[in-house]
Amino acid sequence: MTGPVIVPLWAFLFLPWLLFGAAFTALTLLWLVLIVPAFLVWLWILARICRKAGYSGWWSLTTLVPPLFAILIWALAFADWPLGPPRIQIIPPRR
C-alpha cells in the first residue's frame, strides 16, 4: 500500500501557464494562417479600387486607421472616377 501523493506547489502554478501557452499558440497559428492572408487580400482589392478611381494604391493602408478609412470611403463615393475608353468597343456591321 502506498501513501498519499504529495503534489508540489509549483505544479499548481505551472499548469495554468501551460494551458494559457497552448491556447496562445493556437490563436497565433490561427492568426497567421487565416487572418493575415485574408487581410492582405483585402488590402490588394482595396488598392485596385483606389487605382481605378485615380488614387494611389497606398491609400488602402488607411484600413489600419478607421477614421482615415471612413474618409477614404467618403472620398471614393463622391469622387469623379476617370472615364476611359470602354473595354469592349461595339463595332457596327459593314454594309
PDB file of N, CA and C in Angstrom:
ATOM      1  N   MET A   1       0.832  -1.167   0.000  1.00  0.00           N
ATOM      2  CA  MET A   1       0.000   0.000   0.000  1.00  0.00           C
ATOM      3  C   MET A   1       0.886   1.241   0.000  1.00  0.00           C
ATOM      4  N   THR A   2       0.496   2.223  -0.833  1.00  0.00           N
ATOM      5  CA  THR A   2       1.303   3.437  -0.913  1.00  0.00           C
ATOM      6  C   THR A   2       0.643   4.546  -0.108  1.00  0.00           C
ATOM      7  N   GLY A   3       1.422   5.514   0.212  1.00  0.00           N
ATOM      8  CA  GLY A   3       0.928   6.644   0.985  1.00  0.00           C
ATOM      9  C   GLY A   3       0.288   7.697   0.087  1.00  0.00           C
ATOM     10  N   PRO A   4      -0.147   8.777   0.670  1.00  0.00           N
ATOM     11  CA  PRO A   4      -0.783   9.845  -0.113  1.00  0.00           C
ATOM     12  C   PRO A   4       0.227  10.488  -1.067  1.00  0.00           C
ATOM     13  N   VAL A   5      -0.294  10.914  -2.218  1.00  0.00           N
ATOM     14  CA  VAL A   5       0.551  11.562  -3.216  1.00  0.00           C
ATOM     15  C   VAL A   5       0.639  13.045  -2.870  1.00  0.00           C
ATOM     16  N   ILE A   6       1.851  13.508  -2.727  1.00  0.00           N
ATOM     17  CA  ILE A   6       2.067  14.913  -2.402  1.00  0.00           C
ATOM     18  C   ILE A   6       2.469  15.637  -3.686  1.00  0.00           C
ATOM     19  N   VAL A   7       1.647  16.613  -4.071  1.00  0.00           N
ATOM     20  CA  VAL A   7       1.915  17.385  -5.278  1.00  0.00           C
ATOM     21  C   VAL A   7       2.581  18.690  -4.856  1.00  0.00           C
ATOM     22  N   PRO A   8       3.714  18.975  -5.454  1.00  0.00           N
ATOM     23  CA  PRO A   8       4.394  20.217  -5.070  1.00  0.00           C
ATOM     24  C   PRO A   8       3.606  21.443  -5.521  1.00  0.00           C
ATOM     25  N   LEU A   9       3.840  22.540  -4.839  1.00  0.00           N
ATOM     26  CA  LEU A   9       3.134  23.781  -5.111  1.00  0.00           C
ATOM     27  C   LEU A   9       3.418  24.301  -6.511  1.00  0.00           C
ATOM     28  N   TRP A  10       4.616  24.130  -7.021  1.00  0.00           N
ATOM     29  CA  TRP A  10       4.957  24.654  -8.342  1.00  0.00           C
ATOM     30  C   TRP A  10       4.124  24.009  -9.436  1.00  0.00           C
ATOM     31  N   ALA A  11       3.632  22.777  -9.212  1.00  0.00           N
ATOM     32  CA  ALA A  11       2.808  22.103 -10.215  1.00  0.00           C
ATOM     33  C   ALA A  11       1.469  22.825 -10.376  1.00  0.00           C
ATOM     34  N   PHE A  12       0.904  23.313  -9.300  1.00  0.00           N
ATOM     35  CA  PHE A  12      -0.351  24.059  -9.382  1.00  0.00           C
ATOM     36  C   PHE A  12      -0.156  25.415 -10.069  1.00  0.00           C
ATOM     37  N   LEU A  13       1.022  25.982  -9.891  1.00  0.00           N
ATOM     38  CA  LEU A  13       1.301  27.264 -10.532  1.00  0.00           C
ATOM     39  C   LEU A  13       1.678  27.099 -12.003  1.00  0.00           C
ATOM     40  N   PHE A  14       2.231  25.963 -12.358  1.00  0.00           N
ATOM     41  CA  PHE A  14       2.702  25.730 -13.718  1.00  0.00           C
ATOM     42  C   PHE A  14       1.567  25.364 -14.678  1.00  0.00           C
ATOM     43  N   LEU A  15       0.574  24.609 -14.212  1.00  0.00           N
ATOM     44  CA  LEU A  15      -0.491  24.114 -15.083  1.00  0.00           C
ATOM     45  C   LEU A  15      -1.290  25.235 -15.763  1.00  0.00           C
ATOM     46  N   PRO A  16      -1.744  26.273 -15.060  1.00  0.00           N
ATOM     47  CA  PRO A  16      -2.465  27.342 -15.778  1.00  0.00           C
ATOM     48  C   PRO A  16      -1.623  28.016 -16.851  1.00  0.00           C
ATOM     49  N   TRP A  17      -0.352  28.196 -16.576  1.00  0.00           N
ATOM     50  CA  TRP A  17       0.507  28.827 -17.575  1.00  0.00           C
ATOM     51  C   TRP A  17       0.721  27.909 -18.772  1.00  0.00           C
ATOM     52  N   LEU A  18       0.758  26.616 -18.543  1.00  0.00           N
ATOM     53  CA  LEU A  18       0.879  25.661 -19.635  1.00  0.00           C
ATOM     54  C   LEU A  18      -0.364  25.704 -20.522  1.00  0.00           C
ATOM     55  N   LEU A  19      -1.542  25.740 -19.907  1.00  0.00           N
ATOM     56  CA  LEU A  19      -2.785  25.814 -20.674  1.00  0.00           C
ATOM     57  C   LEU A  19      -2.895  27.149 -21.415  1.00  0.00           C
ATOM     58  N   PHE A  20      -2.507  28.224 -20.770  1.00  0.00           N
ATOM     59  CA  PHE A  20      -2.519  29.530 -21.417  1.00  0.00           C
ATOM     60  C   PHE A  20      -1.580  29.550 -22.615  1.00  0.00           C
ATOM     61  N   GLY A  21      -0.425  28.950 -22.469  1.00  0.00           N
ATOM     62  CA  GLY A  21       0.540  28.889 -23.567  1.00  0.00           C
ATOM     63  C   GLY A  21       0.004  28.110 -24.747  1.00  0.00           C
ATOM     64  N   ALA A  22      -0.693  27.017 -24.496  1.00  0.00           N
ATOM     65  CA  ALA A  22      -1.265  26.228 -25.582  1.00  0.00           C
ATOM     66  C   ALA A  22      -2.351  27.013 -26.305  1.00  0.00           C
ATOM     67  N   ALA A  23      -3.208  27.693 -25.565  1.00  0.00           N
ATOM     68  CA  ALA A  23      -4.265  28.486 -26.184  1.00  0.00           C
ATOM     69  C   ALA A  23      -3.667  29.648 -26.967  1.00  0.00           C
ATOM     70  N   PHE A  24      -2.655  30.282 -26.423  1.00  0.00           N
ATOM     71  CA  PHE A  24      -1.998  31.390 -27.100  1.00  0.00           C
ATOM     72  C   PHE A  24      -1.346  30.929 -28.399  1.00  0.00           C
ATOM     73  N   THR A  25      -0.728  29.757 -28.388  1.00  0.00           N
ATOM     74  CA  THR A  25      -0.104  29.208 -29.592  1.00  0.00           C
ATOM     75  C   THR A  25      -1.150  28.906 -30.655  1.00  0.00           C
ATOM     76  N   ALA A  26      -2.293  28.339 -30.251  1.00  0.00           N
ATOM     77  CA  ALA A  26      -3.352  28.031 -31.206  1.00  0.00           C
ATOM     78  C   ALA A  26      -3.904  29.305 -31.834  1.00  0.00           C
ATOM     79  N   LEU A  27      -4.110  30.348 -31.040  1.00  0.00           N
ATOM     80  CA  LEU A  27      -4.607  31.615 -31.580  1.00  0.00           C
ATOM     81  C   LEU A  27      -3.584  32.274 -32.505  1.00  0.00           C
ATOM     82  N   THR A  28      -2.321  32.154 -32.174  1.00  0.00           N
ATOM     83  CA  THR A  28      -1.279  32.716 -33.020  1.00  0.00           C
ATOM     84  C   THR A  28      -1.242  32.011 -34.368  1.00  0.00           C
ATOM     85  N   LEU A  29      -1.357  30.692 -34.358  1.00  0.00           N
ATOM     86  CA  LEU A  29      -1.371  29.955 -35.617  1.00  0.00           C
ATOM     87  C   LEU A  29      -2.608  30.293 -36.435  1.00  0.00           C
ATOM     88  N   LEU A  30      -3.754  30.413 -35.790  1.00  0.00           N
ATOM     89  CA  LEU A  30      -4.976  30.804 -36.489  1.00  0.00           C
ATOM     90  C   LEU A  30      -4.795  32.179 -37.123  1.00  0.00           C
ATOM     91  N   TRP A  31      -4.198  33.085 -36.395  1.00  0.00           N
ATOM     92  CA  TRP A  31      -3.960  34.439 -36.877  1.00  0.00           C
ATOM     93  C   TRP A  31      -3.048  34.404 -38.104  1.00  0.00           C
ATOM     94  N   LEU A  32      -1.982  33.638 -38.038  1.00  0.00           N
ATOM     95  CA  LEU A  32      -1.016  33.610 -39.133  1.00  0.00           C
ATOM     96  C   LEU A  32      -1.549  32.890 -40.362  1.00  0.00           C
ATOM     97  N   VAL A  33      -2.364  31.863 -40.159  1.00  0.00           N
ATOM     98  CA  VAL A  33      -2.824  31.039 -41.281  1.00  0.00           C
ATOM     99  C   VAL A  33      -4.058  31.623 -41.950  1.00  0.00           C
ATOM    100  N   LEU A  34      -4.974  32.205 -41.202  1.00  0.00           N
ATOM    101  CA  LEU A  34      -6.237  32.659 -41.778  1.00  0.00           C
ATOM    102  C   LEU A  34      -6.372  34.175 -41.870  1.00  0.00           C
ATOM    103  N   ILE A  35      -6.131  34.854 -40.793  1.00  0.00           N
ATOM    104  CA  ILE A  35      -6.478  36.270 -40.728  1.00  0.00           C
ATOM    105  C   ILE A  35      -5.486  37.136 -41.490  1.00  0.00           C
ATOM    106  N   VAL A  36      -4.210  36.893 -41.370  1.00  0.00           N
ATOM    107  CA  VAL A  36      -3.224  37.722 -42.070  1.00  0.00           C
ATOM    108  C   VAL A  36      -3.354  37.603 -43.587  1.00  0.00           C
ATOM    109  N   PRO A  37      -3.452  36.391 -44.169  1.00  0.00           N
ATOM    110  CA  PRO A  37      -3.655  36.331 -45.630  1.00  0.00           C
ATOM    111  C   PRO A  37      -4.964  36.971 -46.082  1.00  0.00           C
ATOM    112  N   ALA A  38      -6.039  36.801 -45.310  1.00  0.00           N
ATOM    113  CA  ALA A  38      -7.308  37.432 -45.674  1.00  0.00           C
ATOM    114  C   ALA A  38      -7.173  38.952 -45.649  1.00  0.00           C
ATOM    115  N   PHE A  39      -6.452  39.484 -44.692  1.00  0.00           N
ATOM    116  CA  PHE A  39      -6.246  40.930 -44.618  1.00  0.00           C
ATOM    117  C   PHE A  39      -5.405  41.426 -45.788  1.00  0.00           C
ATOM    118  N   LEU A  40      -4.407  40.651 -46.191  1.00  0.00           N
ATOM    119  CA  LEU A  40      -3.588  41.051 -47.330  1.00  0.00           C
ATOM    120  C   LEU A  40      -4.395  41.037 -48.626  1.00  0.00           C
ATOM    121  N   VAL A  41      -5.289  40.068 -48.774  1.00  0.00           N
ATOM    122  CA  VAL A  41      -6.171  40.049 -49.946  1.00  0.00           C
ATOM    123  C   VAL A  41      -7.082  41.273 -49.926  1.00  0.00           C
ATOM    124  N   TRP A  42      -7.607  41.620 -48.759  1.00  0.00           N
ATOM    125  CA  TRP A  42      -8.447  42.813 -48.620  1.00  0.00           C
ATOM    126  C   TRP A  42      -7.678  44.072 -49.029  1.00  0.00           C
ATOM    127  N   LEU A  43      -6.424  44.192 -48.601  1.00  0.00           N
ATOM    128  CA  LEU A  43      -5.619  45.354 -48.977  1.00  0.00           C
ATOM    129  C   LEU A  43      -5.395  45.396 -50.482  1.00  0.00           C
ATOM    130  N   TRP A  44      -5.172  44.238 -51.105  1.00  0.00           N
ATOM    131  CA  TRP A  44      -4.946  44.178 -52.544  1.00  0.00           C
ATOM    132  C   TRP A  44      -6.201  44.622 -53.304  1.00  0.00           C
ATOM    133  N   ILE A  45      -7.365  44.130 -52.881  1.00  0.00           N
ATOM    134  CA  ILE A  45      -8.620  44.509 -53.529  1.00  0.00           C
ATOM    135  C   ILE A  45      -8.852  46.013 -53.383  1.00  0.00           C
ATOM    136  N   LEU A  46      -8.657  46.527 -52.187  1.00  0.00           N
ATOM    137  CA  LEU A  46      -8.873  47.959 -51.960  1.00  0.00           C
ATOM    138  C   LEU A  46      -7.874  48.806 -52.742  1.00  0.00           C
ATOM    139  N   ALA A  47      -6.640  48.334 -52.889  1.00  0.00           N
ATOM    140  CA  ALA A  47      -5.644  49.063 -53.677  1.00  0.00           C
ATOM    141  C   ALA A  47      -6.064  49.117 -55.145  1.00  0.00           C
ATOM    142  N   ARG A  48      -6.631  48.043 -55.656  1.00  0.00           N
ATOM    143  CA  ARG A  48      -7.114  48.056 -57.054  1.00  0.00           C
ATOM    144  C   ARG A  48      -8.249  49.057 -57.220  1.00  0.00           C
ATOM    145  N   ILE A  49      -9.159  49.104 -56.245  1.00  0.00           N
ATOM    146  CA  ILE A  49     -10.260  50.066 -56.314  1.00  0.00           C
ATOM    147  C   ILE A  49      -9.717  51.492 -56.297  1.00  0.00           C
ATOM    148  N   CYS A  50      -8.760  51.748 -55.426  1.00  0.00           N
ATOM    149  CA  CYS A  50      -8.176  53.094 -55.348  1.00  0.00           C
ATOM    150  C   CYS A  50      -7.490  53.472 -56.653  1.00  0.00           C
ATOM    151  N   ARG A  51      -6.756  52.534 -57.259  1.00  0.00           N
ATOM    152  CA  ARG A  51      -6.078  52.836 -58.523  1.00  0.00           C
ATOM    153  C   ARG A  51      -7.077  53.095 -59.641  1.00  0.00           C
ATOM    154  N   LYS A  52      -8.187  52.347 -59.658  1.00  0.00           N
ATOM    155  CA  LYS A  52      -9.199  52.581 -60.689  1.00  0.00           C
ATOM    156  C   LYS A  52      -9.872  53.934 -60.507  1.00  0.00           C
ATOM    157  N   ALA A  53      -9.935  54.406 -59.288  1.00  0.00           N
ATOM    158  CA  ALA A  53     -10.541  55.709 -59.022  1.00  0.00           C
ATOM    159  C   ALA A  53      -9.565  56.853 -59.254  1.00  0.00           C
ATOM    160  N   GLY A  54      -8.315  56.532 -59.558  1.00  0.00           N
ATOM    161  CA  GLY A  54      -7.338  57.573 -59.833  1.00  0.00           C
ATOM    162  C   GLY A  54      -6.485  57.944 -58.640  1.00  0.00           C
ATOM    163  N   TYR A  55      -6.610  57.231 -57.547  1.00  0.00           N
ATOM    164  CA  TYR A  55      -5.801  57.492 -56.353  1.00  0.00           C
ATOM    165  C   TYR A  55      -4.657  56.493 -56.288  1.00  0.00           C
ATOM    166  N   SER A  56      -3.722  56.746 -55.397  1.00  0.00           N
ATOM    167  CA  SER A  56      -2.617  55.825 -55.183  1.00  0.00           C
ATOM    168  C   SER A  56      -3.129  54.577 -54.457  1.00  0.00           C
ATOM    169  N   GLY A  57      -2.548  53.441 -54.793  1.00  0.00           N
ATOM    170  CA  GLY A  57      -2.911  52.196 -54.129  1.00  0.00           C
ATOM    171  C   GLY A  57      -2.524  52.162 -52.666  1.00  0.00           C
ATOM    172  N   TRP A  58      -1.606  53.034 -52.290  1.00  0.00           N
ATOM    173  CA  TRP A  58      -1.171  53.093 -50.892  1.00  0.00           C
ATOM    174  C   TRP A  58      -2.292  53.570 -49.970  1.00  0.00           C
ATOM    175  N   TRP A  59      -3.337  54.175 -50.546  1.00  0.00           N
ATOM    176  CA  TRP A  59      -4.461  54.596 -49.726  1.00  0.00           C
ATOM    177  C   TRP A  59      -5.158  53.410 -49.076  1.00  0.00           C
ATOM    178  N   SER A  60      -4.917  52.210 -49.567  1.00  0.00           N
ATOM    179  CA  SER A  60      -5.536  51.031 -48.960  1.00  0.00           C
ATOM    180  C   SER A  60      -5.036  50.804 -47.537  1.00  0.00           C
ATOM    181  N   LEU A  61      -3.878  51.352 -47.210  1.00  0.00           N
ATOM    182  CA  LEU A  61      -3.357  51.201 -45.845  1.00  0.00           C
ATOM    183  C   LEU A  61      -4.146  52.009 -44.827  1.00  0.00           C
ATOM    184  N   THR A  62      -5.067  52.857 -45.298  1.00  0.00           N
ATOM    185  CA  THR A  62      -5.909  53.587 -44.356  1.00  0.00           C
ATOM    186  C   THR A  62      -6.840  52.639 -43.603  1.00  0.00           C
ATOM    187  N   THR A  63      -6.937  51.390 -44.056  1.00  0.00           N
ATOM    188  CA  THR A  63      -7.715  50.386 -43.338  1.00  0.00           C
ATOM    189  C   THR A  63      -7.207  50.229 -41.906  1.00  0.00           C
ATOM    190  N   LEU A  64      -5.936  50.491 -41.692  1.00  0.00           N
ATOM    191  CA  LEU A  64      -5.345  50.316 -40.370  1.00  0.00           C
ATOM    192  C   LEU A  64      -5.801  51.383 -39.380  1.00  0.00           C
ATOM    193  N   VAL A  65      -6.276  52.521 -39.888  1.00  0.00           N
ATOM    194  CA  VAL A  65      -6.745  53.613 -39.033  1.00  0.00           C
ATOM    195  C   VAL A  65      -8.199  53.901 -39.409  1.00  0.00           C
ATOM    196  N   PRO A  66      -9.168  53.429 -38.627  1.00  0.00           N
ATOM    197  CA  PRO A  66     -10.576  53.528 -39.027  1.00  0.00           C
ATOM    198  C   PRO A  66     -11.072  54.923 -39.387  1.00  0.00           C
ATOM    199  N   PRO A  67     -10.721  56.012 -38.686  1.00  0.00           N
ATOM    200  CA  PRO A  67     -11.216  57.327 -39.131  1.00  0.00           C
ATOM    201  C   PRO A  67     -10.706  57.705 -40.523  1.00  0.00           C
ATOM    202  N   LEU A  68      -9.456  57.392 -40.821  1.00  0.00           N
ATOM    203  CA  LEU A  68      -8.932  57.669 -42.154  1.00  0.00           C
ATOM    204  C   LEU A  68      -9.620  56.812 -43.205  1.00  0.00           C
ATOM    205  N   PHE A  69      -9.942  55.574 -42.844  1.00  0.00           N
ATOM    206  CA  PHE A  69     -10.632  54.687 -43.780  1.00  0.00           C
ATOM    207  C   PHE A  69     -12.027  55.216 -44.087  1.00  0.00           C
ATOM    208  N   ALA A  70     -12.697  55.768 -43.099  1.00  0.00           N
ATOM    209  CA  ALA A  70     -14.011  56.358 -43.325  1.00  0.00           C
ATOM    210  C   ALA A  70     -13.900  57.546 -44.274  1.00  0.00           C
ATOM    211  N   ILE A  71     -12.844  58.335 -44.136  1.00  0.00           N
ATOM    212  CA  ILE A  71     -12.625  59.467 -45.047  1.00  0.00           C
ATOM    213  C   ILE A  71     -12.355  58.956 -46.459  1.00  0.00           C
ATOM    214  N   LEU A  72     -11.586  57.878 -46.586  1.00  0.00           N
ATOM    215  CA  LEU A  72     -11.304  57.306 -47.905  1.00  0.00           C
ATOM    216  C   LEU A  72     -12.587  56.825 -48.571  1.00  0.00           C
ATOM    217  N   ILE A  73     -13.430  56.125 -47.837  1.00  0.00           N
ATOM    218  CA  ILE A  73     -14.689  55.646 -48.399  1.00  0.00           C
ATOM    219  C   ILE A  73     -15.548  56.835 -48.835  1.00  0.00           C
ATOM    220  N   TRP A  74     -15.579  57.879 -48.035  1.00  0.00           N
ATOM    221  CA  TRP A  74     -16.350  59.078 -48.374  1.00  0.00           C
ATOM    222  C   TRP A  74     -15.791  59.715 -49.653  1.00  0.00           C
ATOM    223  N   ALA A  75     -14.471  59.796 -49.750  1.00  0.00           N
ATOM    224  CA  ALA A  75     -13.853  60.399 -50.936  1.00  0.00           C
ATOM    225  C   ALA A  75     -14.129  59.559 -52.179  1.00  0.00           C
ATOM    226  N   LEU A  76     -14.055  58.238 -52.062  1.00  0.00           N
ATOM    227  CA  LEU A  76     -14.322  57.375 -53.213  1.00  0.00           C
ATOM    228  C   LEU A  76     -15.785  57.434 -53.635  1.00  0.00           C
ATOM    229  N   ALA A  77     -16.674  57.637 -52.682  1.00  0.00           N
ATOM    230  CA  ALA A  77     -18.102  57.658 -53.003  1.00  0.00           C
ATOM    231  C   ALA A  77     -18.477  58.903 -53.803  1.00  0.00           C
ATOM    232  N   PHE A  78     -17.847  60.017 -53.520  1.00  0.00           N
ATOM    233  CA  PHE A  78     -18.248  61.269 -54.151  1.00  0.00           C
ATOM    234  C   PHE A  78     -17.229  61.799 -55.161  1.00  0.00           C
ATOM    235  N   ALA A  79     -16.171  61.050 -55.435  1.00  0.00           N
ATOM    236  CA  ALA A  79     -15.165  61.496 -56.398  1.00  0.00           C
ATOM    237  C   ALA A  79     -15.640  61.214 -57.817  1.00  0.00           C
ATOM    238  N   ASP A  80     -15.163  62.017 -58.764  1.00  0.00           N
ATOM    239  CA  ASP A  80     -15.405  61.740 -60.174  1.00  0.00           C
ATOM    240  C   ASP A  80     -14.378  60.718 -60.636  1.00  0.00           C
ATOM    241  N   TRP A  81     -14.847  59.548 -60.957  1.00  0.00           N
ATOM    242  CA  TRP A  81     -13.945  58.489 -61.391  1.00  0.00           C
ATOM    243  C   TRP A  81     -13.558  58.760 -62.834  1.00  0.00           C
ATOM    244  N   PRO A  82     -12.319  58.495 -63.175  1.00  0.00           N
ATOM    245  CA  PRO A  82     -11.908  58.736 -64.568  1.00  0.00           C
ATOM    246  C   PRO A  82     -12.629  57.766 -65.512  1.00  0.00           C
ATOM    247  N   LEU A  83     -13.167  58.332 -66.568  1.00  0.00           N
ATOM    248  CA  LEU A  83     -13.851  57.510 -67.553  1.00  0.00           C
ATOM    249  C   LEU A  83     -12.920  57.317 -68.739  1.00  0.00           C
ATOM    250  N   GLY A  84     -12.404  56.144 -68.893  1.00  0.00           N
ATOM    251  CA  GLY A  84     -11.537  55.831 -70.018  1.00  0.00           C
ATOM    252  C   GLY A  84     -12.364  55.219 -71.135  1.00  0.00           C
ATOM    253  N   PRO A  85     -11.690  54.777 -72.157  1.00  0.00           N
ATOM    254  CA  PRO A  85     -12.427  54.124 -73.228  1.00  0.00           C
ATOM    255  C   PRO A  85     -13.034  52.820 -72.714  1.00  0.00           C
ATOM    256  N   PRO A  86     -14.193  52.436 -73.236  1.00  0.00           N
ATOM    257  CA  PRO A  86     -14.780  51.185 -72.770  1.00  0.00           C
ATOM    258  C   PRO A  86     -13.893  49.999 -73.134  1.00  0.00           C
ATOM    259  N   ARG A  87     -13.927  49.001 -72.333  1.00  0.00           N
ATOM    260  CA  ARG A  87     -13.082  47.835 -72.577  1.00  0.00           C
ATOM    261  C   ARG A  87     -13.525  47.073 -73.821  1.00  0.00           C
ATOM    262  N   ILE A  88     -14.825  47.056 -74.100  1.00  0.00           N
ATOM    263  CA  ILE A  88     -15.346  46.373 -75.262  1.00  0.00           C
ATOM    264  C   ILE A  88     -15.964  47.432 -76.166  1.00  0.00           C
ATOM    265  N   GLN A  89     -15.444  47.563 -77.361  1.00  0.00           N
ATOM    266  CA  GLN A  89     -15.978  48.522 -78.306  1.00  0.00           C
ATOM    267  C   GLN A  89     -16.895  47.777 -79.281  1.00  0.00           C
ATOM    268  N   ILE A  90     -18.094  48.275 -79.401  1.00  0.00           N
ATOM    269  CA  ILE A  90     -19.038  47.650 -80.306  1.00  0.00           C
ATOM    270  C   ILE A  90     -18.848  48.282 -81.688  1.00  0.00           C
ATOM    271  N   ILE A  91     -18.484  47.473 -82.643  1.00  0.00           N
ATOM    272  CA  ILE A  91     -18.247  47.952 -84.000  1.00  0.00           C
ATOM    273  C   ILE A  91     -19.501  47.623 -84.817  1.00  0.00           C
ATOM    274  N   PRO A  92     -20.095  48.630 -85.445  1.00  0.00           N
ATOM    275  CA  PRO A  92     -21.282  48.330 -86.254  1.00  0.00           C
ATOM    276  C   PRO A  92     -20.922  47.479 -87.465  1.00  0.00           C
ATOM    277  N   PRO A  93     -21.852  46.649 -87.907  1.00  0.00           N
ATOM    278  CA  PRO A  93     -21.546  45.795 -89.075  1.00  0.00           C
ATOM    279  C   PRO A  93     -21.400  46.627 -90.354  1.00  0.00           C
ATOM    280  N   ARG A  94     -20.549  46.154 -91.266  1.00  0.00           N
ATOM    281  CA  ARG A  94     -20.338  46.855 -92.538  1.00  0.00           C
ATOM    282  C   ARG A  94     -21.520  46.593 -93.461  1.00  0.00           C
ATOM    283  N   ARG A  95     -21.883  47.589 -94.263  1.00  0.00           N
ATOM    284  CA  ARG A  95     -22.992  47.411 -95.211  1.00  0.00           C
ATOM    285  C   ARG A  95     -22.521  47.549 -96.617  1.00  0.00           C
TER     286      ARG A  95
END
